[in-house]
């Protein structure tokens, strides 16, 4: 199903892009939309940055104000604790307890008076949840027995750090914020006990409930949460959110030592901005529609003559030559139509003159080709002479004709321009055997080719002109015996073919005087493989010439076996 849909999309796209009109409409639409979208994108990013900076600054200021508000309420609690610390009844009771250090039980009446006194002092402050007074004997006067402090030892140690000062704890007790103060005898400067205060968590949360934040935390310096809107998060560690859209604001209170942390999402920046972007997109869509309608109207006027010209060119391809009538413009399109008309008129003239002359020339050329010698006829004729020589007893003549026929058969055999190296070696073997009959004992030859190189692909007839040159300009010039050596080997990943003779020798590197065959070989190799490859010559020792061919090693997959081709 998906494949069919993909093919349909491709088909529609090909049909759409095959029309110049559609292409220009698409281009004009893109050129209209891109600047508008770029402006909207820049506007969005810039506005978002400005809003983020402004809102963040406002949030920071609100956090400072909220911190001041909470600190103010905490100071009120501190003032109540200080008033309890200095209350005469409480001081007298604690001093009496100090004298009676070994007393194990509190006097019920005294305990009741202390509770009533402390209750009256904290009655006006709804933030306080529980208060307890501990004497030197660690006996406790409770205001509310519902909550018994779990951390009395820690609170005592906290208050003892600064005797006479109220300190807020960096740990919760019953998931509540607590503070403590050590009560000191104002006359004898001795420790009488401690006063601990526990705050109501819901009342603490109400203090920052009006703050515009997704999450608000009161925590100590080690990020232990002391208060938040979610009770389950109290007494847990605060972890910074992994969501990059969340922004964290922090402030440290110089008064309480607590850390105030606010979280809010950056998406709040985009509420007003989204409305502006939606309006901008609407304006963009309306603008694009208007531009599209104008584009279609204008392009119809521009492309109409081009479409007509295209139809006339299709007819001309089918040899129906019509001119463009009623050219109304003098712009590039009008001049193109006029040039087309000139071309059509010229083609009509050419059909009447040049084309007919070419037909006559082709007929004459065909007649000339028919008069040339058929190569297959020559090959068959040589075979007939060979049979006749065998019957006449001329064995040497028969063998020479056989070798010549084999060479000729190789030259007319079907195939491409490249053959395996062993086919070239086979050809020059026939060629050298043929000359052996001519020179007799005066001529010797050898071939040394590695077996792994026999299937290397080489151009056809690349060795025969070299061997022929070695015989004509080398062996034929000697008064005594002559030798030709043919070698093939690999050097630096290239194939090296060498033909060495012991003739009179030539000047190194000079192969221009060897005739058309040698020059053709050198030029042919460079055309096929590049200037790095070709033919070089150098003197042989003690005398003679080495002609060296360099070409890359390539293994062809082409089958080089050919059947005898006879007509």
Protein backbone atom coordinates (compact mmCIF):
# COMPACT_ATOMS: atom_id res chain seq x y z
CA UNK A 1 0.00 0.00 0.00
CA UNK A 2 2.79 2.39 0.94
CA UNK A 3 4.70 1.55 -2.22
CA UNK A 4 1.65 2.31 -4.38
CA UNK A 5 1.16 5.61 -2.57
CA UNK A 6 4.85 6.49 -3.05
CA UNK A 7 4.64 5.75 -6.76
CA UNK A 8 1.53 7.92 -7.01
CA UNK A 9 3.31 10.80 -5.26
CA UNK A 10 6.33 10.42 -7.57
CA UNK A 11 4.07 10.32 -10.63
CA UNK A 12 2.25 13.48 -9.55
CA UNK A 13 5.55 15.22 -8.78
CA UNK A 14 7.05 14.29 -12.17
CA UNK A 15 3.94 15.53 -13.96
CA UNK A 16 3.96 18.71 -11.88
CA UNK A 17 7.63 19.51 -12.53
CA UNK A 18 7.37 18.69 -16.25
CA UNK A 19 5.51 21.96 -16.86
CA UNK A 20 7.36 25.27 -16.83
CA UNK A 21 4.21 27.02 -15.63
CA UNK A 22 3.93 24.81 -12.55
CA UNK A 23 7.65 25.18 -11.81
CA UNK A 24 7.43 28.98 -11.92
CA UNK A 25 4.33 28.96 -9.72
CA UNK A 26 6.20 26.80 -7.23
CA UNK A 27 9.28 29.04 -7.34
CA UNK A 28 7.27 32.22 -6.87
CA UNK A 29 5.38 30.61 -3.96
CA UNK A 30 8.63 29.59 -2.29
CA UNK A 31 10.15 33.04 -2.86
CA UNK A 32 7.07 34.58 -1.24
CA UNK A 33 6.80 32.20 1.69
CA UNK A 34 10.48 32.03 2.62
CA UNK A 35 10.91 35.75 3.48
CA UNK A 36 7.60 35.82 5.35
CA UNK A 37 8.47 32.70 7.35
CA UNK A 38 11.94 34.10 8.01
CA UNK A 39 10.46 37.33 9.35
CA UNK A 40 8.01 35.39 11.53
CA UNK A 41 10.80 33.15 12.83
CA UNK A 42 13.05 36.11 13.68
CA UNK A 43 10.13 37.94 15.26
CA UNK A 44 9.24 34.88 17.33
CA UNK A 45 12.79 34.27 18.54
CA UNK A 46 13.45 37.92 19.36
CA UNK A 47 10.11 38.40 21.10
CA UNK A 48 10.53 35.16 23.00
CA UNK A 49 13.94 36.31 24.23
CA UNK A 50 12.58 39.68 25.33
CA UNK A 51 9.59 38.11 27.06
CA UNK A 52 11.79 35.55 28.77
CA UNK A 53 14.09 38.27 30.08
CA UNK A 54 11.21 40.45 31.28
CA UNK A 55 9.21 37.62 32.85
CA UNK A 56 12.30 36.14 34.50
CA UNK A 57 13.18 39.54 35.95
CA UNK A 58 9.62 39.92 37.20
CA UNK A 59 9.73 36.43 38.69
CA UNK A 60 13.00 37.22 40.45
CA UNK A 61 11.53 40.38 41.92
CA UNK A 62 8.43 38.49 43.02
CA UNK A 63 10.65 35.85 44.63
CA UNK A 64 12.51 38.55 46.58
CA UNK A 65 9.19 40.01 47.75
CA UNK A 66 7.91 36.56 48.70
CA UNK A 67 11.14 35.83 50.61
CA UNK A 68 10.76 39.13 52.50
CA UNK A 69 7.15 38.23 53.32
CA UNK A 70 8.07 34.78 54.66
CA UNK A 71 11.04 36.18 56.58
CA UNK A 72 8.73 38.78 58.11
CA UNK A 73 6.37 36.07 59.37
CA UNK A 74 9.30 34.08 60.68
CA UNK A 75 10.51 37.16 62.55
CA UNK A 76 7.09 37.47 64.19
CA UNK A 77 7.47 33.89 65.41
CA UNK A 78 10.92 34.78 66.66
CA UNK A 79 9.52 37.77 68.60
CA UNK A 80 6.95 35.51 70.26
CA UNK A 81 9.70 33.06 71.19
CA UNK A 82 11.76 35.93 72.62
CA UNK A 83 8.77 37.14 74.68
CA UNK A 84 8.28 33.62 76.06
CA UNK A 85 11.99 33.48 76.89
CA UNK A 86 11.73 36.69 78.95
CA UNK A 87 8.36 35.98 80.60
CA UNK A 88 8.79 36.26 84.42
CA UNK A 89 6.61 33.25 85.20
CA UNK A 90 8.54 31.05 82.80
CA UNK A 91 11.93 32.31 84.00
CA UNK A 92 10.97 31.76 87.66
CA UNK A 93 9.69 28.25 86.94
CA UNK A 94 12.84 27.29 85.06
CA UNK A 95 15.08 28.76 87.76
CA UNK A 96 13.18 26.74 90.40
CA UNK A 97 13.60 23.64 88.24
CA UNK A 98 17.30 24.45 88.00
CA UNK A 99 17.62 24.45 91.80
CA UNK A 100 15.63 21.23 92.08
CA UNK A 101 17.71 19.45 89.44
CA UNK A 102 17.01 15.99 90.80
CA UNK A 103 13.21 16.43 90.56
CA UNK A 104 11.85 13.74 88.24
CA UNK A 105 8.20 14.79 87.96
CA UNK A 106 6.78 18.23 87.13
CA UNK A 107 4.28 19.76 89.46
CA UNK A 108 0.89 19.46 87.71
CA UNK A 109 -0.31 22.87 88.78
CA UNK A 110 2.93 24.56 87.72
CA UNK A 111 2.87 22.76 84.40
CA UNK A 112 -0.70 23.90 83.76
CA UNK A 113 0.16 27.56 84.54
CA UNK A 114 3.15 27.38 82.12
CA UNK A 115 1.00 25.96 79.36
CA UNK A 116 -1.68 28.57 79.84
CA UNK A 117 0.91 31.32 79.88
CA UNK A 118 2.62 30.09 76.69
CA UNK A 119 -0.74 29.54 75.00
CA UNK A 120 -1.76 33.13 75.70
CA UNK A 121 1.50 34.41 74.24
CA UNK A 122 1.19 32.47 70.96
CA UNK A 123 -2.58 32.76 70.60
CA UNK A 124 -2.40 35.67 68.18
CA UNK A 125 -0.04 33.90 65.75
CA UNK A 126 -1.81 31.25 63.67
CA UNK A 127 1.48 30.16 62.07
CA UNK A 128 2.66 28.34 65.22
CA UNK A 129 1.54 24.73 65.47
CA UNK A 130 3.19 23.60 68.69
CA UNK A 131 5.59 24.94 71.34
CA UNK A 132 7.42 23.15 74.06
CA UNK A 133 9.57 24.28 76.96
CA UNK A 134 12.29 21.96 78.24
CA UNK A 135 13.94 22.57 81.59
CA UNK A 136 17.43 21.65 82.67
CA UNK A 137 16.20 18.18 83.71
CA UNK A 138 14.80 17.63 80.21
CA UNK A 139 11.27 17.74 81.50
CA UNK A 140 8.94 19.30 78.94
CA UNK A 141 6.04 21.74 79.33
CA UNK A 142 3.81 21.20 76.24
CA UNK A 143 1.45 23.69 74.74
CA UNK A 144 -0.07 20.98 72.56
CA UNK A 145 0.64 17.35 73.32
CA UNK A 146 -0.39 16.16 69.86
CA UNK A 147 3.13 16.67 68.50
CA UNK A 148 6.09 15.62 70.57
CA UNK A 149 9.32 16.84 69.06
CA UNK A 150 11.49 14.10 67.63
CA UNK A 151 14.59 16.25 67.33
CA UNK A 152 14.81 17.77 70.83
CA UNK A 153 18.47 16.83 71.19
CA UNK A 154 19.32 18.31 67.78
CA UNK A 155 17.31 21.44 68.57
CA UNK A 156 19.14 21.76 71.88
CA UNK A 157 22.47 21.52 70.13
CA UNK A 158 21.28 24.08 67.55
CA UNK A 159 20.15 26.58 70.21
CA UNK A 160 23.36 26.15 72.20
CA UNK A 161 25.39 27.47 69.23
CA UNK A 162 24.14 31.03 69.95
CA UNK A 163 22.69 31.20 73.44
CA UNK A 164 19.92 33.75 73.76
CA UNK A 165 19.24 33.88 69.99
CA UNK A 166 16.36 32.18 68.18
CA UNK A 167 17.64 29.95 65.36
CA UNK A 168 15.72 28.14 62.60
CA UNK A 169 16.64 24.49 62.11
CA UNK A 170 17.95 23.20 58.79
CA UNK A 171 15.91 19.99 59.24
CA UNK A 172 12.15 19.30 59.59
CA UNK A 173 10.41 17.73 62.56
CA UNK A 174 7.18 15.86 61.81
CA UNK A 175 7.56 17.38 58.30
CA UNK A 176 7.34 20.84 59.87
CA UNK A 177 9.71 23.78 60.06
CA UNK A 178 11.10 24.17 63.57
CA UNK A 179 13.23 26.66 65.46
CA UNK A 180 14.72 26.87 68.93
CA UNK A 181 16.25 29.28 71.44
CA UNK A 182 18.30 28.56 74.54
CA UNK A 183 16.87 30.23 77.68
CA UNK A 184 19.58 31.90 79.79
CA UNK A 185 19.30 33.07 83.41
CA UNK A 186 19.51 36.87 83.09
CA UNK A 187 21.14 37.17 86.55
CA UNK A 188 23.57 34.30 86.76
CA UNK A 189 24.07 33.70 82.98
CA UNK A 190 23.30 30.01 83.30
CA UNK A 191 21.43 27.69 80.93
CA UNK A 192 17.92 27.09 82.22
CA UNK A 193 16.45 25.17 79.23
CA UNK A 194 15.36 25.50 75.63
CA UNK A 195 12.24 26.73 73.87
CA UNK A 196 11.27 25.01 70.57
CA UNK A 197 8.63 26.20 68.08
CA UNK A 198 6.95 24.10 65.35
CA UNK A 199 5.13 25.80 62.43
CA UNK A 200 1.96 24.60 60.72
CA UNK A 201 2.90 23.28 57.25
CA UNK A 202 -0.38 24.34 55.64
CA UNK A 203 -0.01 27.89 57.02
CA UNK A 204 3.56 28.08 55.74
CA UNK A 205 2.37 26.88 52.33
CA UNK A 206 -0.34 29.57 52.33
CA UNK A 207 2.35 32.24 52.60
CA UNK A 208 3.68 31.41 49.13
CA UNK A 209 0.46 30.08 47.60
CA UNK A 210 -0.16 33.44 45.89
CA UNK A 211 3.23 33.29 44.21
CA UNK A 212 2.79 32.57 40.47
CA UNK A 213 4.91 29.41 40.27
CA UNK A 214 4.39 25.78 39.37
CA UNK A 215 6.47 24.68 42.36
CA UNK A 216 7.85 26.54 45.35
CA UNK A 217 10.30 25.08 47.87
CA UNK A 218 11.85 26.08 51.17
CA UNK A 219 15.00 24.07 51.76
CA UNK A 220 18.29 24.13 53.60
CA UNK A 221 21.69 24.68 52.06
CA UNK A 222 21.99 20.96 51.29
CA UNK A 223 18.75 21.00 49.28
CA UNK A 224 16.71 19.14 51.90
CA UNK A 225 13.11 20.26 51.37
CA UNK A 226 11.52 21.77 54.52
CA UNK A 227 8.28 23.05 53.01
CA UNK A 228 6.41 22.73 49.71
CA UNK A 229 2.85 22.39 48.46
CA UNK A 230 3.30 18.62 48.08
CA UNK A 231 3.62 17.08 51.60
CA UNK A 232 5.21 13.93 50.18
CA UNK A 233 8.19 15.94 48.96
CA UNK A 234 9.05 17.26 52.44
CA UNK A 235 12.20 15.70 53.97
CA UNK A 236 13.39 14.64 50.49
CA UNK A 237 16.26 15.99 48.43
CA UNK A 238 15.57 18.56 45.75
CA UNK A 239 16.74 17.63 42.24
CA UNK A 240 16.99 20.11 39.44
CA UNK A 241 14.51 19.27 36.62
CA UNK A 242 15.88 17.62 33.48
CA UNK A 243 13.27 19.39 31.39
CA UNK A 244 15.07 22.26 29.63
CA UNK A 245 11.84 24.25 29.48
CA UNK A 246 11.76 24.56 33.28
CA UNK A 247 13.45 27.64 34.76
CA UNK A 248 14.80 27.56 38.33
CA UNK A 249 15.09 30.73 40.45
CA UNK A 250 16.90 30.66 43.80
CA UNK A 251 17.39 33.11 46.67
CA UNK A 252 19.14 32.63 50.03
CA UNK A 253 17.69 34.31 53.11
CA UNK A 254 20.27 36.17 55.19
CA UNK A 255 17.89 36.06 58.13
CA UNK A 256 16.84 32.40 58.35
CA UNK A 257 19.62 30.79 56.33
CA UNK A 258 16.98 28.96 54.26
CA UNK A 259 16.99 28.69 50.48
CA UNK A 260 13.91 29.78 48.52
CA UNK A 261 13.50 28.00 45.16
CA UNK A 262 10.86 28.66 42.52
CA UNK A 263 10.18 26.62 39.37
CA UNK A 264 8.18 27.76 36.38
CA UNK A 265 7.95 26.68 32.76
CA UNK A 266 9.24 28.81 29.91
CA UNK A 267 5.99 28.04 28.10
CA UNK A 268 4.42 30.91 30.00
CA UNK A 269 6.52 33.19 27.80
CA UNK A 270 4.69 32.02 24.74
CA UNK A 271 1.10 32.58 25.80
CA UNK A 272 0.91 36.11 24.47
CA UNK A 273 3.45 35.38 21.78
CA UNK A 274 1.46 32.48 20.37
CA UNK A 275 -1.48 34.77 19.68
CA UNK A 276 0.78 37.16 17.77
CA UNK A 277 2.32 34.28 15.79
CA UNK A 278 -1.10 32.91 14.88
CA UNK A 279 -2.12 36.33 13.63
CA UNK A 280 1.13 36.63 11.65
CA UNK A 281 0.57 33.18 10.10
CA UNK A 282 -2.95 34.21 9.08
CA UNK A 283 -1.60 37.34 7.39
CA UNK A 284 1.08 35.22 5.71
CA UNK A 285 -1.50 32.77 4.36
CA UNK A 286 -3.67 35.58 2.98
CA UNK A 287 -0.62 37.26 1.42
CA UNK A 288 0.51 33.99 -0.15
CA UNK A 289 -2.94 33.37 -1.67
CA UNK A 290 -2.99 36.87 -3.17
CA UNK A 291 0.54 36.46 -4.56
CA UNK A 292 -0.36 33.02 -5.92
CA UNK A 293 -3.40 34.37 -7.79
CA UNK A 294 -1.36 37.26 -9.26
CA UNK A 295 1.46 34.86 -10.13
CA UNK A 296 -0.88 32.51 -12.00
CA UNK A 297 -2.39 35.42 -13.93
CA UNK A 298 1.01 36.88 -14.89
CA UNK A 299 2.66 33.56 -15.70
CA UNK A 300 -0.22 32.54 -17.95
CA UNK A 301 0.55 35.56 -20.08
CA UNK A 302 4.30 34.77 -20.09
CA UNK A 303 4.17 31.01 -20.66
CA UNK A 304 1.38 30.92 -23.22
CA UNK A 305 3.70 31.63 -26.20
CA UNK A 306 6.27 29.19 -24.78
CA UNK A 307 3.67 26.43 -24.61
CA UNK A 308 2.69 27.14 -28.21
CA UNK A 309 6.35 27.12 -29.22
CA UNK A 310 6.76 23.77 -27.47
CA UNK A 311 3.88 22.29 -29.47
CA UNK A 312 5.42 23.51 -32.71
CA UNK A 313 8.78 21.97 -31.77
CA UNK A 314 7.09 18.63 -31.08
CA UNK A 315 5.53 18.82 -34.55
CA UNK A 316 8.93 19.67 -36.04
CA UNK A 317 10.33 16.56 -34.39
CA UNK A 318 7.68 14.61 -36.30
CA UNK A 319 8.80 16.39 -39.52
CA UNK A 320 5.78 18.72 -39.54
CA UNK A 321 7.39 22.14 -39.98
CA UNK A 322 5.05 25.01 -39.02
CA UNK A 323 6.02 28.57 -38.15
CA UNK A 324 4.89 30.61 -35.14
CA UNK A 325 2.15 32.97 -36.26
CA UNK A 326 1.10 36.21 -34.59
CA UNK A 327 4.15 37.11 -32.48
CA UNK A 328 2.92 39.92 -30.20
CA UNK A 329 5.96 40.69 -28.04
CA UNK A 330 9.46 41.91 -28.74
CA UNK A 331 11.07 40.56 -25.57
CA UNK A 332 13.25 37.45 -25.19
CA UNK A 333 10.27 35.14 -25.75
CA UNK A 334 9.26 37.04 -28.89
CA UNK A 335 12.81 36.90 -30.25
CA UNK A 336 12.94 33.20 -29.45
CA UNK A 337 9.78 32.63 -31.47
CA UNK A 338 11.21 34.66 -34.36
CA UNK A 339 14.42 32.62 -34.25
CA UNK A 340 12.34 29.45 -34.33
CA UNK A 341 10.59 30.68 -37.45
CA UNK A 342 13.97 31.37 -39.11
CA UNK A 343 15.12 27.90 -38.15
CA UNK A 344 12.01 26.25 -39.62
CA UNK A 345 12.44 28.15 -42.89
CA UNK A 346 16.10 27.15 -43.06
CA UNK A 347 15.24 23.52 -42.38
CA UNK A 348 12.75 23.56 -45.21
CA UNK A 349 15.46 24.87 -47.53
CA UNK A 350 17.95 22.27 -46.32
CA UNK A 351 15.48 19.48 -46.97
CA UNK A 352 15.15 20.66 -50.55
CA UNK A 353 18.87 21.06 -51.20
CA UNK A 354 21.48 19.65 -48.83
CA UNK A 355 19.49 16.58 -47.78
CA UNK A 356 19.00 15.45 -51.37
CA UNK A 357 22.69 15.98 -52.16
CA UNK A 358 23.63 13.90 -49.11
CA UNK A 359 21.41 11.07 -50.34
CA UNK A 360 23.24 11.05 -53.66
CA UNK A 361 26.60 11.04 -51.87
CA UNK A 362 25.53 8.14 -49.65
CA UNK A 363 24.48 6.13 -52.65
CA UNK A 364 27.88 6.73 -54.28
CA UNK A 365 29.67 5.77 -51.09
CA UNK A 366 27.70 2.54 -50.83
CA UNK A 367 28.59 1.63 -54.35
CA UNK A 368 32.29 2.21 -53.54
CA UNK A 369 32.07 -0.01 -50.48
CA UNK A 370 30.44 -2.78 -52.43
CA UNK A 371 33.36 -2.64 -54.87
CA UNK A 372 35.94 -3.21 -52.11
CA UNK A 373 37.42 -6.64 -51.39
CA UNK A 374 35.43 -8.74 -48.93
CA UNK A 375 37.81 -9.82 -46.09
CA UNK A 376 35.98 -13.09 -45.64
CA UNK A 377 36.46 -13.85 -49.34
CA UNK A 378 40.25 -13.39 -48.92
CA UNK A 379 40.28 -15.66 -45.86
CA UNK A 380 38.36 -18.38 -47.71
CA UNK A 381 40.65 -18.00 -50.73
CA UNK A 382 43.75 -18.49 -48.51
CA UNK A 383 42.22 -21.65 -47.12
CA UNK A 384 41.62 -22.93 -50.65
CA UNK A 385 45.28 -22.24 -51.60
CA UNK A 386 46.36 -24.01 -48.42
CA UNK A 387 44.44 -27.17 -49.39
CA UNK A 388 45.88 -27.02 -52.92
CA UNK A 389 49.47 -26.66 -51.57
CA UNK A 390 49.04 -29.70 -49.33
CA UNK A 391 47.86 -31.84 -52.28
CA UNK A 392 50.82 -30.56 -54.35
CA UNK A 393 53.28 -31.60 -51.60
CA UNK A 394 54.42 -28.04 -50.79
CA UNK A 395 54.33 -28.54 -47.02
CA UNK A 396 56.22 -25.32 -46.13
CA UNK A 397 53.99 -23.27 -48.42
CA UNK A 398 50.92 -24.90 -46.86
CA UNK A 399 52.13 -24.15 -43.34
CA UNK A 400 52.92 -20.52 -44.19
CA UNK A 401 49.48 -20.07 -45.75
CA UNK A 402 47.95 -21.66 -42.68
CA UNK A 403 49.76 -19.24 -40.38
CA UNK A 404 48.78 -16.27 -42.55
CA UNK A 405 45.18 -17.44 -42.55
CA UNK A 406 45.24 -17.73 -38.76
CA UNK A 407 46.56 -14.18 -38.47
CA UNK A 408 43.92 -12.95 -40.87
CA UNK A 409 41.20 -14.86 -39.06
CA UNK A 410 42.23 -13.15 -35.78
CA UNK A 411 41.99 -9.75 -37.45
CA UNK A 412 38.42 -10.32 -38.72
CA UNK A 413 37.13 -12.27 -35.73
CA UNK A 414 34.19 -10.59 -33.91
CA UNK A 415 34.72 -9.07 -30.47
CA UNK A 416 35.42 -5.80 -28.77
CA UNK A 417 38.58 -3.68 -28.81
CA UNK A 418 40.16 -5.60 -25.91
CA UNK A 419 41.32 -9.22 -25.67
CA UNK A 420 43.12 -11.38 -23.15
CA UNK A 421 46.90 -11.17 -23.22
CA UNK A 422 47.18 -14.84 -24.19
CA UNK A 423 45.28 -14.08 -27.44
CA UNK A 424 47.83 -11.39 -28.32
CA UNK A 425 50.64 -13.82 -27.50
CA UNK A 426 48.95 -16.40 -29.75
CA UNK A 427 48.79 -13.88 -32.60
CA UNK A 428 52.46 -12.90 -32.43
CA UNK A 429 53.37 -16.59 -32.13
CA UNK A 430 51.75 -17.17 -35.53
CA UNK A 431 53.50 -14.06 -36.82
CA UNK A 432 56.95 -15.13 -35.56
CA UNK A 433 56.50 -18.68 -36.92
CA UNK A 434 55.68 -17.19 -40.31
CA UNK A 435 58.95 -15.23 -40.35
CA UNK A 436 60.82 -18.28 -39.15
CA UNK A 437 60.06 -19.85 -42.54
CA UNK A 438 61.53 -16.79 -44.20
CA UNK A 439 64.78 -16.47 -42.22
CA UNK A 440 65.35 -20.10 -41.29
CA UNK A 441 68.21 -20.67 -38.83
CA UNK A 442 69.11 -16.98 -38.98
CA UNK A 443 66.09 -16.16 -36.78
CA UNK A 444 65.35 -17.27 -33.18
CA UNK A 445 62.65 -16.06 -30.82
CA UNK A 446 61.38 -16.64 -27.26
CA UNK A 447 58.32 -15.66 -25.20
CA UNK A 448 58.38 -15.30 -21.41
CA UNK A 449 54.99 -14.46 -19.87
CA UNK A 450 53.86 -15.21 -16.32
CA UNK A 451 50.82 -17.47 -16.22
CA UNK A 452 48.91 -15.14 -13.87
CA UNK A 453 49.14 -12.36 -16.51
CA UNK A 454 47.60 -14.35 -19.35
CA UNK A 455 44.06 -13.20 -18.47
CA UNK A 456 44.95 -9.51 -18.30
CA UNK A 457 42.88 -7.43 -20.73
CA UNK A 458 44.90 -5.53 -23.38
CA UNK A 459 43.97 -3.61 -26.56
CA UNK A 460 43.77 -5.73 -29.72
CA UNK A 461 46.81 -5.73 -32.04
CA UNK A 462 49.00 -3.97 -29.49
CA UNK A 463 52.01 -6.31 -29.85
CA UNK A 464 51.99 -7.17 -33.56
CA UNK A 465 53.22 -3.73 -34.76
CA UNK A 466 56.03 -3.83 -32.16
CA UNK A 467 57.18 -7.31 -33.22
CA UNK A 468 56.93 -6.33 -36.88
CA UNK A 469 59.11 -3.26 -36.23
CA UNK A 470 61.69 -5.41 -34.39
CA UNK A 471 61.90 -7.76 -37.39
CA UNK A 472 62.06 -5.09 -40.11
CA UNK A 473 64.35 -2.59 -38.35
CA UNK A 474 66.28 -5.12 -36.28
CA UNK A 475 66.57 -8.71 -37.53
CA UNK A 476 66.35 -7.81 -41.23
CA UNK A 477 69.31 -5.41 -40.85
CA UNK A 478 71.67 -8.07 -39.44
CA UNK A 479 74.17 -10.00 -41.58
CA UNK A 480 74.15 -12.80 -39.04
CA UNK A 481 71.65 -14.55 -36.70
CA UNK A 482 68.95 -12.50 -35.05
CA UNK A 483 66.96 -12.99 -31.86
CA UNK A 484 63.69 -11.54 -30.63
CA UNK A 485 62.54 -11.88 -27.00
CA UNK A 486 59.00 -11.10 -25.89
CA UNK A 487 58.44 -10.61 -22.16
CA UNK A 488 55.49 -9.66 -19.92
CA UNK A 489 55.73 -8.84 -16.21
CA UNK A 490 54.21 -6.68 -13.48
CA UNK A 491 55.90 -3.49 -12.25
CA UNK A 492 54.35 -1.09 -9.70
CA UNK A 493 50.91 -2.59 -10.38
CA UNK A 494 51.28 -1.98 -14.12
CA UNK A 495 51.69 -4.47 -16.97
CA UNK A 496 55.01 -4.19 -18.83
CA UNK A 497 55.32 -5.73 -22.32
CA UNK A 498 58.83 -5.79 -23.80
CA UNK A 499 60.04 -6.75 -27.26
CA UNK A 500 63.85 -6.96 -27.46
CA UNK A 501 65.93 -7.56 -30.59
CA UNK A 502 69.68 -7.73 -31.17
CA UNK A 503 69.61 -5.52 -34.23
CA UNK A 504 71.80 -2.47 -34.90
CA UNK A 505 69.97 -0.49 -32.17
CA UNK A 506 68.26 2.92 -32.02
CA UNK A 507 68.45 6.07 -29.96
CA UNK A 508 66.67 5.70 -26.58
CA UNK A 509 63.16 7.10 -26.46
CA UNK A 510 62.91 7.70 -30.21
CA UNK A 511 60.07 5.84 -31.90
CA UNK A 512 58.90 8.51 -34.30
CA UNK A 513 60.79 7.08 -37.24
CA UNK A 514 59.28 3.59 -37.06
CA UNK A 515 56.30 4.33 -39.23
CA UNK A 516 52.55 4.59 -38.77
CA UNK A 517 52.18 1.33 -36.83
CA UNK A 518 54.45 2.27 -33.92
CA UNK A 519 53.15 5.84 -33.66
CA UNK A 520 49.62 4.49 -33.71
CA UNK A 521 50.38 2.11 -30.81
CA UNK A 522 51.95 4.88 -28.70
CA UNK A 523 49.12 7.32 -29.36
CA UNK A 524 46.47 4.65 -28.83
CA UNK A 525 47.74 3.70 -25.38
CA UNK A 526 47.85 7.33 -24.25
CA UNK A 527 44.34 8.00 -25.52
CA UNK A 528 43.00 4.94 -23.69
CA UNK A 529 44.94 5.09 -20.42
CA UNK A 530 46.42 8.59 -20.18
CA UNK A 531 49.80 10.26 -20.59
CA UNK A 532 51.42 8.05 -17.94
CA UNK A 533 51.21 5.03 -20.23
CA UNK A 534 52.51 4.37 -23.75
CA UNK A 535 55.62 3.23 -25.59
CA UNK A 536 59.28 3.83 -24.77
CA UNK A 537 62.50 2.52 -26.31
CA UNK A 538 66.00 2.05 -25.01
CA UNK A 539 69.21 0.39 -26.24
CA UNK A 540 69.76 -3.24 -25.32
CA UNK A 541 73.08 -4.65 -24.11
CA UNK A 542 75.42 -5.37 -25.77
CA UNK A 543 73.45 -4.20 -28.78
CA UNK A 544 69.89 -4.06 -30.05
CA UNK A 545 66.72 -2.33 -28.95
CA UNK A 546 64.14 -2.82 -26.19
CA UNK A 547 60.66 -1.53 -26.97
CA UNK A 548 58.60 -1.32 -23.80
CA UNK A 549 54.82 -0.93 -23.47
CA UNK A 550 53.33 0.18 -20.13
CA UNK A 551 49.61 -0.18 -19.46
CA UNK A 552 47.48 -0.75 -16.34
CA UNK A 553 46.55 -4.26 -15.22
CA UNK A 554 42.87 -4.92 -15.85
CA UNK A 555 41.06 -8.24 -15.84
CA UNK A 556 38.21 -8.39 -18.34
CA UNK A 557 35.07 -10.47 -17.84
CA UNK A 558 34.56 -10.56 -21.58
CA UNK A 559 34.83 -14.03 -23.19
CA UNK A 560 37.67 -13.87 -25.70
CA UNK A 561 36.92 -17.18 -27.39
CA UNK A 562 35.79 -16.71 -30.94
CA UNK A 563 34.53 -19.22 -33.41
CA UNK A 564 36.08 -19.30 -36.85
CA UNK A 565 34.19 -16.80 -38.91
CA UNK A 566 33.94 -17.66 -42.55
CA UNK A 567 31.62 -16.58 -45.25
